[in-house]
């Protein structure tokens, strides 16, 4: 999608700090970090949100999270992490391309908001 920010990042049209990339997913630094380590993990194929991907390709969604699990030490998340996927207006989704916030690298607050 030519007007999708994350599709443009995936295509290399917009620079990003990449931490992992394969044929199916990309993990980049969040430009507004909320923790010592704050990544955005996204599928390269465009899905509007997590429910869209779960419905259309649940196996690929599972593989995405399996890859994250295999990268925890490499990403500095060995002590634990939090994952957040915003969906829709009430969930404050700002980019309509599935992306999962991965936060860690320090003790996180008990508060979720």
PDB file of N, CA and C in Angstrom:
ATOM      1  N   UNK A   1       0.849  -1.177   0.000  1.00  0.00           N
ATOM      2  CA  UNK A   1       0.000   0.000   0.000  1.00  0.00           C
ATOM      3  C   UNK A   1       0.890   1.234   0.000  1.00  0.00           C
ATOM      4  N   UNK A   2       0.769   2.021  -1.001  1.00  0.00           N
ATOM      5  CA  UNK A   2       1.677   3.156  -1.178  1.00  0.00           C
ATOM      6  C   UNK A   2       1.508   4.249  -0.135  1.00  0.00           C
ATOM      7  N   UNK A   3       0.359   4.322   0.515  1.00  0.00           N
ATOM      8  CA  UNK A   3       0.137   5.361   1.515  1.00  0.00           C
ATOM      9  C   UNK A   3       0.347   4.867   2.943  1.00  0.00           C
ATOM     10  N   UNK A   4       0.745   3.632   3.131  1.00  0.00           N
ATOM     11  CA  UNK A   4       0.949   3.050   4.459  1.00  0.00           C
ATOM     12  C   UNK A   4       2.386   3.311   4.917  1.00  0.00           C
ATOM     13  N   UNK A   5       2.524   3.964   6.053  1.00  0.00           N
ATOM     14  CA  UNK A   5       3.837   4.286   6.602  1.00  0.00           C
ATOM     15  C   UNK A   5       4.711   3.046   6.748  1.00  0.00           C
ATOM     16  N   UNK A   6       4.177   1.987   7.346  1.00  0.00           N
ATOM     17  CA  UNK A   6       4.998   0.800   7.572  1.00  0.00           C
ATOM     18  C   UNK A   6       5.302   0.042   6.289  1.00  0.00           C
ATOM     19  N   UNK A   7       4.394   0.047   5.334  1.00  0.00           N
ATOM     20  CA  UNK A   7       4.710  -0.551   4.031  1.00  0.00           C
ATOM     21  C   UNK A   7       5.867   0.194   3.378  1.00  0.00           C
ATOM     22  N   UNK A   8       5.889   1.504   3.536  1.00  0.00           N
ATOM     23  CA  UNK A   8       6.976   2.308   2.972  1.00  0.00           C
ATOM     24  C   UNK A   8       8.293   2.043   3.706  1.00  0.00           C
ATOM     25  N   UNK A   9       8.245   1.852   5.018  1.00  0.00           N
ATOM     26  CA  UNK A   9       9.451   1.486   5.770  1.00  0.00           C
ATOM     27  C   UNK A   9       9.947   0.124   5.315  1.00  0.00           C
ATOM     28  N   UNK A  10       9.042  -0.832   5.196  1.00  0.00           N
ATOM     29  CA  UNK A  10       9.403  -2.183   4.753  1.00  0.00           C
ATOM     30  C   UNK A  10      10.023  -2.143   3.355  1.00  0.00           C
ATOM     31  N   UNK A  11       9.509  -1.290   2.489  1.00  0.00           N
ATOM     32  CA  UNK A  11      10.030  -1.160   1.122  1.00  0.00           C
ATOM     33  C   UNK A  11      11.355  -0.407   1.063  1.00  0.00           C
ATOM     34  N   UNK A  12      11.800   0.158   2.186  1.00  0.00           N
ATOM     35  CA  UNK A  12      13.052   0.903   2.222  1.00  0.00           C
ATOM     36  C   UNK A  12      12.917   2.350   1.781  1.00  0.00           C
ATOM     37  N   UNK A  13      11.693   2.822   1.595  1.00  0.00           N
ATOM     38  CA  UNK A  13      11.477   4.211   1.170  1.00  0.00           C
ATOM     39  C   UNK A  13      11.670   5.201   2.314  1.00  0.00           C
ATOM     40  N   UNK A  14      11.469   4.738   3.530  1.00  0.00           N
ATOM     41  CA  UNK A  14      11.643   5.557   4.723  1.00  0.00           C
ATOM     42  C   UNK A  14      12.664   4.845   5.602  1.00  0.00           C
ATOM     43  N   UNK A  15      13.702   5.553   6.052  1.00  0.00           N
ATOM     44  CA  UNK A  15      14.730   4.893   6.857  1.00  0.00           C
ATOM     45  C   UNK A  15      14.204   4.480   8.230  1.00  0.00           C
ATOM     46  N   UNK A  16      14.801   3.418   8.755  1.00  0.00           N
ATOM     47  CA  UNK A  16      14.483   2.933  10.098  1.00  0.00           C
ATOM     48  C   UNK A  16      15.718   2.249  10.659  1.00  0.00           C
ATOM     49  N   UNK A  17      15.724   2.069  11.966  1.00  0.00           N
ATOM     50  CA  UNK A  17      16.794   1.313  12.614  1.00  0.00           C
ATOM     51  C   UNK A  17      16.309  -0.122  12.749  1.00  0.00           C
ATOM     52  N   UNK A  18      16.866  -0.989  11.919  1.00  0.00           N
ATOM     53  CA  UNK A  18      16.434  -2.387  11.871  1.00  0.00           C
ATOM     54  C   UNK A  18      17.230  -3.230  12.867  1.00  0.00           C
ATOM     55  N   UNK A  19      16.508  -4.093  13.576  1.00  0.00           N
ATOM     56  CA  UNK A  19      17.139  -5.028  14.488  1.00  0.00           C
ATOM     57  C   UNK A  19      17.012  -6.461  14.015  1.00  0.00           C
ATOM     58  N   UNK A  20      16.021  -6.730  13.178  1.00  0.00           N
ATOM     59  CA  UNK A  20      15.853  -8.062  12.605  1.00  0.00           C
ATOM     60  C   UNK A  20      15.004  -7.928  11.347  1.00  0.00           C
ATOM     61  N   UNK A  21      15.345  -8.743  10.356  1.00  0.00           N
ATOM     62  CA  UNK A  21      14.553  -8.787   9.136  1.00  0.00           C
ATOM     63  C   UNK A  21      14.716 -10.144   8.481  1.00  0.00           C
ATOM     64  N   UNK A  22      13.600 -10.701   8.028  1.00  0.00           N
ATOM     65  CA  UNK A  22      13.638 -11.891   7.187  1.00  0.00           C
ATOM     66  C   UNK A  22      12.586 -11.703   6.094  1.00  0.00           C
ATOM     67  N   UNK A  23      12.220 -12.754   5.424  1.00  0.00           N
ATOM     68  CA  UNK A  23      11.266 -12.623   4.314  1.00  0.00           C
ATOM     69  C   UNK A  23       9.867 -12.219   4.774  1.00  0.00           C
ATOM     70  N   UNK A  24       9.552 -12.481   6.045  1.00  0.00           N
ATOM     71  CA  UNK A  24       8.184 -12.292   6.518  1.00  0.00           C
ATOM     72  C   UNK A  24       7.986 -11.170   7.523  1.00  0.00           C
ATOM     73  N   UNK A  25       9.009 -10.862   8.325  1.00  0.00           N
ATOM     74  CA  UNK A  25       8.818  -9.861   9.375  1.00  0.00           C
ATOM     75  C   UNK A  25       9.977  -8.868   9.427  1.00  0.00           C
ATOM     76  N   UNK A  26       9.703  -7.758  10.069  1.00  0.00           N
ATOM     77  CA  UNK A  26      10.699  -6.718  10.305  1.00  0.00           C
ATOM     78  C   UNK A  26      10.556  -6.268  11.757  1.00  0.00           C
ATOM     79  N   UNK A  27      11.679  -6.100  12.434  1.00  0.00           N
ATOM     80  CA  UNK A  27      11.692  -5.544  13.784  1.00  0.00           C
ATOM     81  C   UNK A  27      12.580  -4.309  13.753  1.00  0.00           C
ATOM     82  N   UNK A  28      11.987  -3.166  14.127  1.00  0.00           N
ATOM     83  CA  UNK A  28      12.696  -1.888  14.099  1.00  0.00           C
ATOM     84  C   UNK A  28      12.591  -1.203  15.457  1.00  0.00           C
ATOM     85  N   UNK A  29      13.402  -0.186  15.655  1.00  0.00           N
ATOM     86  CA  UNK A  29      13.312   0.636  16.860  1.00  0.00           C
ATOM     87  C   UNK A  29      12.099   1.538  16.756  1.00  0.00           C
ATOM     88  N   UNK A  30      11.381   1.695  17.859  1.00  0.00           N
ATOM     89  CA  UNK A  30      10.296   2.672  17.911  1.00  0.00           C
ATOM     90  C   UNK A  30      10.928   4.060  17.998  1.00  0.00           C
ATOM     91  N   UNK A  31      10.410   5.017  17.246  1.00  0.00           N
ATOM     92  CA  UNK A  31      11.007   6.361  17.243  1.00  0.00           C
ATOM     93  C   UNK A  31      10.615   7.174  18.484  1.00  0.00           C
ATOM     94  N   UNK A  32       9.677   6.671  19.264  1.00  0.00           N
ATOM     95  CA  UNK A  32       9.266   7.332  20.501  1.00  0.00           C
ATOM     96  C   UNK A  32       9.280   6.292  21.621  1.00  0.00           C
ATOM     97  N   UNK A  33      10.472   5.853  22.037  1.00  0.00           N
ATOM     98  CA  UNK A  33      10.557   4.723  22.977  1.00  0.00           C
ATOM     99  C   UNK A  33       9.902   5.016  24.322  1.00  0.00           C
ATOM    100  N   UNK A  34       9.205   3.989  24.828  1.00  0.00           N
ATOM    101  CA  UNK A  34       8.527   4.054  26.116  1.00  0.00           C
ATOM    102  C   UNK A  34       9.214   3.159  27.152  1.00  0.00           C
ATOM    103  N   UNK A  35      10.331   2.563  26.789  1.00  0.00           N
ATOM    104  CA  UNK A  35      11.107   1.694  27.682  1.00  0.00           C
ATOM    105  C   UNK A  35      12.550   1.689  27.179  1.00  0.00           C
ATOM    106  N   UNK A  36      13.441   1.130  27.978  1.00  0.00           N
ATOM    107  CA  UNK A  36      14.857   1.068  27.585  1.00  0.00           C
ATOM    108  C   UNK A  36      15.018   0.381  26.223  1.00  0.00           C
ATOM    109  N   UNK A  37      14.258  -0.659  26.005  1.00  0.00           N
ATOM    110  CA  UNK A  37      14.203  -1.353  24.711  1.00  0.00           C
ATOM    111  C   UNK A  37      12.762  -1.261  24.233  1.00  0.00           C
ATOM    112  N   UNK A  38      12.537  -0.664  23.080  1.00  0.00           N
ATOM    113  CA  UNK A  38      11.186  -0.544  22.525  1.00  0.00           C
ATOM    114  C   UNK A  38      11.276  -0.773  21.027  1.00  0.00           C
ATOM    115  N   UNK A  39      10.763  -1.924  20.622  1.00  0.00           N
ATOM    116  CA  UNK A  39      10.796  -2.322  19.224  1.00  0.00           C
ATOM    117  C   UNK A  39       9.386  -2.349  18.656  1.00  0.00           C
ATOM    118  N   UNK A  40       9.302  -2.260  17.343  1.00  0.00           N
ATOM    119  CA  UNK A  40       8.067  -2.513  16.613  1.00  0.00           C
ATOM    120  C   UNK A  40       8.307  -3.735  15.740  1.00  0.00           C
ATOM    121  N   UNK A  41       7.496  -4.750  15.941  1.00  0.00           N
ATOM    122  CA  UNK A  41       7.574  -5.972  15.133  1.00  0.00           C
ATOM    123  C   UNK A  41       6.360  -5.981  14.220  1.00  0.00           C
ATOM    124  N   UNK A  42       6.605  -6.192  12.936  1.00  0.00           N
ATOM    125  CA  UNK A  42       5.490  -6.148  11.985  1.00  0.00           C
ATOM    126  C   UNK A  42       5.678  -7.174  10.880  1.00  0.00           C
ATOM    127  N   UNK A  43       4.568  -7.696  10.367  1.00  0.00           N
ATOM    128  CA  UNK A  43       4.674  -8.557   9.187  1.00  0.00           C
ATOM    129  C   UNK A  43       4.946  -7.688   7.966  1.00  0.00           C
ATOM    130  N   UNK A  44       5.678  -8.230   7.031  1.00  0.00           N
ATOM    131  CA  UNK A  44       5.938  -7.482   5.796  1.00  0.00           C
ATOM    132  C   UNK A  44       4.688  -7.403   4.918  1.00  0.00           C
ATOM    133  N   UNK A  45       3.862  -8.426   4.983  1.00  0.00           N
ATOM    134  CA  UNK A  45       2.600  -8.392   4.261  1.00  0.00           C
ATOM    135  C   UNK A  45       1.652  -7.480   5.038  1.00  0.00           C
ATOM    136  N   UNK A  46       0.901  -6.675   4.324  1.00  0.00           N
ATOM    137  CA  UNK A  46       0.016  -5.709   4.973  1.00  0.00           C
ATOM    138  C   UNK A  46      -1.229  -6.391   5.546  1.00  0.00           C
ATOM    139  N   UNK A  47      -1.395  -6.249   6.844  1.00  0.00           N
ATOM    140  CA  UNK A  47      -2.628  -6.594   7.559  1.00  0.00           C
ATOM    141  C   UNK A  47      -2.984  -5.348   8.349  1.00  0.00           C
ATOM    142  N   UNK A  48      -4.248  -5.007   8.413  1.00  0.00           N
ATOM    143  CA  UNK A  48      -4.631  -3.766   9.084  1.00  0.00           C
ATOM    144  C   UNK A  48      -4.400  -3.812  10.588  1.00  0.00           C
ATOM    145  N   UNK A  49      -4.552  -4.983  11.202  1.00  0.00           N
ATOM    146  CA  UNK A  49      -4.381  -5.100  12.647  1.00  0.00           C
ATOM    147  C   UNK A  49      -4.241  -6.572  13.015  1.00  0.00           C
ATOM    148  N   UNK A  50      -4.089  -6.853  14.295  1.00  0.00           N
ATOM    149  CA  UNK A  50      -3.837  -8.223  14.738  1.00  0.00           C
ATOM    150  C   UNK A  50      -5.024  -9.140  14.450  1.00  0.00           C
ATOM    151  N   UNK A  51      -6.241  -8.629  14.564  1.00  0.00           N
ATOM    152  CA  UNK A  51      -7.413  -9.451  14.273  1.00  0.00           C
ATOM    153  C   UNK A  51      -7.468  -9.816  12.790  1.00  0.00           C
ATOM    154  N   UNK A  52      -7.094  -8.886  11.931  1.00  0.00           N
ATOM    155  CA  UNK A  52      -7.058  -9.125  10.490  1.00  0.00           C
ATOM    156  C   UNK A  52      -6.075 -10.248  10.162  1.00  0.00           C
ATOM    157  N   UNK A  53      -4.875 -10.198  10.741  1.00  0.00           N
ATOM    158  CA  UNK A  53      -3.886 -11.238  10.475  1.00  0.00           C
ATOM    159  C   UNK A  53      -4.299 -12.564  11.091  1.00  0.00           C
ATOM    160  N   UNK A  54      -4.879 -12.523  12.295  1.00  0.00           N
ATOM    161  CA  UNK A  54      -5.324 -13.756  12.952  1.00  0.00           C
ATOM    162  C   UNK A  54      -6.384 -14.467  12.120  1.00  0.00           C
ATOM    163  N   UNK A  55      -7.230 -13.682  11.486  1.00  0.00           N
ATOM    164  CA  UNK A  55      -8.279 -14.260  10.645  1.00  0.00           C
ATOM    165  C   UNK A  55      -7.718 -14.779   9.326  1.00  0.00           C
ATOM    166  N   UNK A  56      -6.843 -14.018   8.688  1.00  0.00           N
ATOM    167  CA  UNK A  56      -6.369 -14.344   7.341  1.00  0.00           C
ATOM    168  C   UNK A  56      -5.189 -15.299   7.308  1.00  0.00           C
ATOM    169  N   UNK A  57      -4.305 -15.245   8.310  1.00  0.00           N
ATOM    170  CA  UNK A  57      -3.113 -16.098   8.293  1.00  0.00           C
ATOM    171  C   UNK A  57      -2.616 -16.367   9.713  1.00  0.00           C
ATOM    172  N   UNK A  58      -3.386 -17.137  10.491  1.00  0.00           N
ATOM    173  CA  UNK A  58      -2.995 -17.395  11.878  1.00  0.00           C
ATOM    174  C   UNK A  58      -1.646 -18.104  12.014  1.00  0.00           C
ATOM    175  N   UNK A  59      -1.291 -18.928  11.033  1.00  0.00           N
ATOM    176  CA  UNK A  59       0.000 -19.620  11.101  1.00  0.00           C
ATOM    177  C   UNK A  59       1.149 -18.622  11.018  1.00  0.00           C
ATOM    178  N   UNK A  60       1.040 -17.646  10.124  1.00  0.00           N
ATOM    179  CA  UNK A  60       2.088 -16.627  10.000  1.00  0.00           C
ATOM    180  C   UNK A  60       2.166 -15.779  11.265  1.00  0.00           C
ATOM    181  N   UNK A  61       1.031 -15.492  11.884  1.00  0.00           N
ATOM    182  CA  UNK A  61       1.026 -14.747  13.138  1.00  0.00           C
ATOM    183  C   UNK A  61       1.765 -15.540  14.211  1.00  0.00           C
ATOM    184  N   UNK A  62       1.510 -16.826  14.277  1.00  0.00           N
ATOM    185  CA  UNK A  62       2.219 -17.679  15.231  1.00  0.00           C
ATOM    186  C   UNK A  62       3.715 -17.705  14.977  1.00  0.00           C
ATOM    187  N   UNK A  63       4.108 -17.792  13.713  1.00  0.00           N
ATOM    188  CA  UNK A  63       5.540 -17.796  13.367  1.00  0.00           C
ATOM    189  C   UNK A  63       6.203 -16.480  13.769  1.00  0.00           C
ATOM    190  N   UNK A  64       5.478 -15.377  13.634  1.00  0.00           N
ATOM    191  CA  UNK A  64       6.025 -14.077  14.009  1.00  0.00           C
ATOM    192  C   UNK A  64       6.377 -14.062  15.502  1.00  0.00           C
ATOM    193  N   UNK A  65       5.471 -14.587  16.329  1.00  0.00           N
ATOM    194  CA  UNK A  65       5.740 -14.625  17.768  1.00  0.00           C
ATOM    195  C   UNK A  65       6.788 -15.673  18.133  1.00  0.00           C
ATOM    196  N   UNK A  66       6.861 -16.766  17.380  1.00  0.00           N
ATOM    197  CA  UNK A  66       7.936 -17.737  17.598  1.00  0.00           C
ATOM    198  C   UNK A  66       9.290 -17.097  17.319  1.00  0.00           C
ATOM    199  N   UNK A  67       9.379 -16.301  16.276  1.00  0.00           N
ATOM    200  CA  UNK A  67      10.640 -15.627  15.945  1.00  0.00           C
ATOM    201  C   UNK A  67      11.015 -14.671  17.061  1.00  0.00           C
ATOM    202  N   UNK A  68      10.054 -13.914  17.565  1.00  0.00           N
ATOM    203  CA  UNK A  68      10.344 -13.017  18.682  1.00  0.00           C
ATOM    204  C   UNK A  68      10.901 -13.800  19.864  1.00  0.00           C
ATOM    205  N   UNK A  69      10.301 -14.928  20.184  1.00  0.00           N
ATOM    206  CA  UNK A  69      10.776 -15.745  21.304  1.00  0.00           C
ATOM    207  C   UNK A  69      12.220 -16.174  21.096  1.00  0.00           C
ATOM    208  N   UNK A  70      12.609 -16.470  19.868  1.00  0.00           N
ATOM    209  CA  UNK A  70      13.977 -16.914  19.588  1.00  0.00           C
ATOM    210  C   UNK A  70      14.988 -15.758  19.628  1.00  0.00           C
ATOM    211  N   UNK A  71      14.493 -14.525  19.587  1.00  0.00           N
ATOM    212  CA  UNK A  71      15.375 -13.356  19.541  1.00  0.00           C
ATOM    213  C   UNK A  71      15.484 -12.608  20.867  1.00  0.00           C
ATOM    214  N   UNK A  72      14.864 -13.104  21.931  1.00  0.00           N
ATOM    215  CA  UNK A  72      14.809 -12.319  23.170  1.00  0.00           C
ATOM    216  C   UNK A  72      16.197 -11.939  23.681  1.00  0.00           C
ATOM    217  N   UNK A  73      17.122 -12.853  23.703  1.00  0.00           N
ATOM    218  CA  UNK A  73      18.471 -12.514  24.196  1.00  0.00           C
ATOM    219  C   UNK A  73      19.168 -11.534  23.250  1.00  0.00           C
ATOM    220  N   UNK A  74      19.069 -11.776  21.959  1.00  0.00           N
ATOM    221  CA  UNK A  74      19.684 -10.895  20.963  1.00  0.00           C
ATOM    222  C   UNK A  74      19.164  -9.465  21.080  1.00  0.00           C
ATOM    223  N   UNK A  75      17.879  -9.325  21.393  1.00  0.00           N
ATOM    224  CA  UNK A  75      17.259  -8.005  21.492  1.00  0.00           C
ATOM    225  C   UNK A  75      17.404  -7.378  22.884  1.00  0.00           C
ATOM    226  N   UNK A  76      18.080  -8.061  23.799  1.00  0.00           N
ATOM    227  CA  UNK A  76      18.256  -7.518  25.146  1.00  0.00           C
ATOM    228  C   UNK A  76      17.010  -7.631  26.002  1.00  0.00           C
ATOM    229  N   UNK A  77      16.217  -8.660  25.742  1.00  0.00           N
ATOM    230  CA  UNK A  77      14.955  -8.846  26.449  1.00  0.00           C
ATOM    231  C   UNK A  77      14.942 -10.092  27.329  1.00  0.00           C
ATOM    232  N   UNK A  78      16.133 -10.597  27.657  1.00  0.00           N
ATOM    233  CA  UNK A  78      16.236 -11.832  28.419  1.00  0.00           C
ATOM    234  C   UNK A  78      15.568 -11.784  29.784  1.00  0.00           C
ATOM    235  N   UNK A  79      15.444 -10.596  30.367  1.00  0.00           N
ATOM    236  CA  UNK A  79      14.806 -10.468  31.672  1.00  0.00           C
ATOM    237  C   UNK A  79      13.295 -10.384  31.605  1.00  0.00           C
ATOM    238  N   UNK A  80      12.749 -10.380  30.414  1.00  0.00           N
ATOM    239  CA  UNK A  80      11.309 -10.302  30.225  1.00  0.00           C
ATOM    240  C   UNK A  80      10.923  -9.127  29.348  1.00  0.00           C
ATOM    241  N   UNK A  81       9.695  -9.138  28.894  1.00  0.00           N
ATOM    242  CA  UNK A  81       9.218  -8.076  28.017  1.00  0.00           C
ATOM    243  C   UNK A  81       7.704  -8.030  28.047  1.00  0.00           C
ATOM    244  N   UNK A  82       7.179  -6.958  27.493  1.00  0.00           N
ATOM    245  CA  UNK A  82       5.733  -6.771  27.342  1.00  0.00           C
ATOM    246  C   UNK A  82       5.458  -6.576  25.860  1.00  0.00           C
ATOM    247  N   UNK A  83       4.358  -7.170  25.389  1.00  0.00           N
ATOM    248  CA  UNK A  83       3.935  -6.946  24.012  1.00  0.00           C
ATOM    249  C   UNK A  83       2.571  -6.260  24.028  1.00  0.00           C
ATOM    250  N   UNK A  84       2.405  -5.310  23.120  1.00  0.00           N
ATOM    251  CA  UNK A  84       1.168  -4.536  23.008  1.00  0.00           C
ATOM    252  C   UNK A  84       0.836  -4.388  21.533  1.00  0.00           C
ATOM    253  N   UNK A  85      -0.401  -4.677  21.190  1.00  0.00           N
ATOM    254  CA  UNK A  85      -0.869  -4.452  19.825  1.00  0.00           C
ATOM    255  C   UNK A  85      -2.157  -3.649  19.898  1.00  0.00           C
ATOM    256  N   UNK A  86      -2.084  -2.400  19.492  1.00  0.00           N
ATOM    257  CA  UNK A  86      -3.260  -1.540  19.486  1.00  0.00           C
ATOM    258  C   UNK A  86      -4.131  -1.888  18.286  1.00  0.00           C
ATOM    259  N   UNK A  87      -5.462  -1.865  18.493  1.00  0.00           N
ATOM    260  CA  UNK A  87      -6.388  -2.163  17.400  1.00  0.00           C
ATOM    261  C   UNK A  87      -7.521  -1.155  17.422  1.00  0.00           C
ATOM    262  N   UNK A  88      -7.668  -0.461  16.311  1.00  0.00           N
ATOM    263  CA  UNK A  88      -8.794   0.446  16.141  1.00  0.00           C
ATOM    264  C   UNK A  88      -8.685   1.745  16.914  1.00  0.00           C
ATOM    265  N   UNK A  89      -9.687   2.567  16.725  1.00  0.00           N
ATOM    266  CA  UNK A  89      -9.708   3.896  17.338  1.00  0.00           C
ATOM    267  C   UNK A  89      -9.670   3.832  18.863  1.00  0.00           C
ATOM    268  N   UNK A  90     -10.498   2.994  19.466  1.00  0.00           N
ATOM    269  CA  UNK A  90     -10.518   2.909  20.926  1.00  0.00           C
ATOM    270  C   UNK A  90      -9.228   2.321  21.490  1.00  0.00           C
ATOM    271  N   UNK A  91      -8.521   1.548  20.692  1.00  0.00           N
ATOM    272  CA  UNK A  91      -7.234   1.000  21.103  1.00  0.00           C
ATOM    273  C   UNK A  91      -6.071   1.920  20.780  1.00  0.00           C
ATOM    274  N   UNK A  92      -6.365   3.094  20.233  1.00  0.00           N
ATOM    275  CA  UNK A  92      -5.356   4.109  19.879  1.00  0.00           C
ATOM    276  C   UNK A  92      -4.378   3.623  18.816  1.00  0.00           C
ATOM    277  N   UNK A  93      -4.861   2.838  17.853  1.00  0.00           N
ATOM    278  CA  UNK A  93      -3.999   2.409  16.749  1.00  0.00           C
ATOM    279  C   UNK A  93      -3.736   3.614  15.861  1.00  0.00           C
ATOM    280  N   UNK A  94      -2.466   3.963  15.686  1.00  0.00           N
ATOM    281  CA  UNK A  94      -2.109   5.159  14.916  1.00  0.00           C
ATOM    282  C   UNK A  94      -1.709   4.846  13.479  1.00  0.00           C
ATOM    283  N   UNK A  95      -1.240   3.641  13.197  1.00  0.00           N
ATOM    284  CA  UNK A  95      -0.878   3.230  11.840  1.00  0.00           C
ATOM    285  C   UNK A  95      -1.657   1.954  11.551  1.00  0.00           C
ATOM    286  N   UNK A  96      -2.406   1.949  10.466  1.00  0.00           N
ATOM    287  CA  UNK A  96      -3.283   0.816  10.156  1.00  0.00           C
ATOM    288  C   UNK A  96      -2.549  -0.291   9.405  1.00  0.00           C
ATOM    289  N   UNK A  97      -1.410  -0.671   9.962  1.00  0.00           N
ATOM    290  CA  UNK A  97      -0.623  -1.832   9.518  1.00  0.00           C
ATOM    291  C   UNK A  97      -0.244  -2.522  10.811  1.00  0.00           C
ATOM    292  N   UNK A  98      -0.575  -3.794  10.938  1.00  0.00           N
ATOM    293  CA  UNK A  98      -0.287  -4.507  12.177  1.00  0.00           C
ATOM    294  C   UNK A  98       1.149  -4.266  12.614  1.00  0.00           C
ATOM    295  N   UNK A  99       1.306  -3.832  13.835  1.00  0.00           N
ATOM    296  CA  UNK A  99       2.615  -3.717  14.452  1.00  0.00           C
ATOM    297  C   UNK A  99       2.449  -4.014  15.931  1.00  0.00           C
ATOM    298  N   UNK A 100       3.418  -4.707  16.459  1.00  0.00           N
ATOM    299  CA  UNK A 100       3.399  -5.107  17.861  1.00  0.00           C
ATOM    300  C   UNK A 100       4.521  -4.372  18.559  1.00  0.00           C
ATOM    301  N   UNK A 101       4.182  -3.643  19.594  1.00  0.00           N
ATOM    302  CA  UNK A 101       5.183  -2.982  20.424  1.00  0.00           C
ATOM    303  C   UNK A 101       5.786  -4.037  21.346  1.00  0.00           C
ATOM    304  N   UNK A 102       7.101  -4.091  21.387  1.00  0.00           N
ATOM    305  CA  UNK A 102       7.816  -5.004  22.268  1.00  0.00           C
ATOM    306  C   UNK A 102       8.661  -4.127  23.183  1.00  0.00           C
ATOM    307  N   UNK A 103       8.344  -4.147  24.466  1.00  0.00           N
ATOM    308  CA  UNK A 103       8.993  -3.264  25.441  1.00  0.00           C
ATOM    309  C   UNK A 103       9.704  -4.092  26.494  1.00  0.00           C
ATOM    310  N   UNK A 104      10.907  -3.672  26.857  1.00  0.00           N
ATOM    311  CA  UNK A 104      11.660  -4.374  27.886  1.00  0.00           C
ATOM    312  C   UNK A 104      12.985  -3.692  28.137  1.00  0.00           C
ATOM    313  N   UNK A 105      13.941  -4.497  28.583  1.00  0.00           N
ATOM    314  CA  UNK A 105      15.267  -3.965  28.858  1.00  0.00           C
ATOM    315  C   UNK A 105      15.385  -3.330  30.225  1.00  0.00           C
ATOM    316  N   UNK A 106      14.298  -3.337  30.981  1.00  0.00           N
ATOM    317  CA  UNK A 106      14.267  -2.777  32.334  1.00  0.00           C
ATOM    318  C   UNK A 106      12.995  -3.284  33.005  1.00  0.00           C
ATOM    319  N   UNK A 107      12.895  -3.053  34.301  1.00  0.00           N
ATOM    320  CA  UNK A 107      11.672  -3.380  35.027  1.00  0.00           C
ATOM    321  C   UNK A 107      10.593  -2.396  34.580  1.00  0.00           C
ATOM    322  N   UNK A 108       9.493  -2.928  34.036  1.00  0.00           N
ATOM    323  CA  UNK A 108       8.408  -2.092  33.545  1.00  0.00           C
ATOM    324  C   UNK A 108       7.417  -1.801  34.660  1.00  0.00           C
ATOM    325  N   UNK A 109       6.677  -0.736  34.512  1.00  0.00           N
ATOM    326  CA  UNK A 109       5.658  -0.359  35.472  1.00  0.00           C
ATOM    327  C   UNK A 109       4.549  -1.402  35.506  1.00  0.00           C
ATOM    328  N   UNK A 110       3.940  -1.560  36.662  1.00  0.00           N
ATOM    329  CA  UNK A 110       2.777  -2.437  36.780  1.00  0.00           C
ATOM    330  C   UNK A 110       1.592  -1.868  36.011  1.00  0.00           C
ATOM    331  N   UNK A 111       1.583  -0.533  35.853  1.00  0.00           N
ATOM    332  CA  UNK A 111       0.492   0.124  35.135  1.00  0.00           C
ATOM    333  C   UNK A 111       0.626  -0.127  33.645  1.00  0.00           C
ATOM    334  N   UNK A 112      -0.474  -0.351  33.000  1.00  0.00           N
ATOM    335  CA  UNK A 112      -0.459  -0.591  31.561  1.00  0.00           C
ATOM    336  C   UNK A 112      -0.697   0.688  30.771  1.00  0.00           C
ATOM    337  N   UNK A 113      -1.112   1.750  31.395  1.00  0.00           N
ATOM    338  CA  UNK A 113      -1.415   2.955  30.631  1.00  0.00           C
ATOM    339  C   UNK A 113      -0.781   4.180  31.195  1.00  0.00           C
TER     340      UNK A 113
END
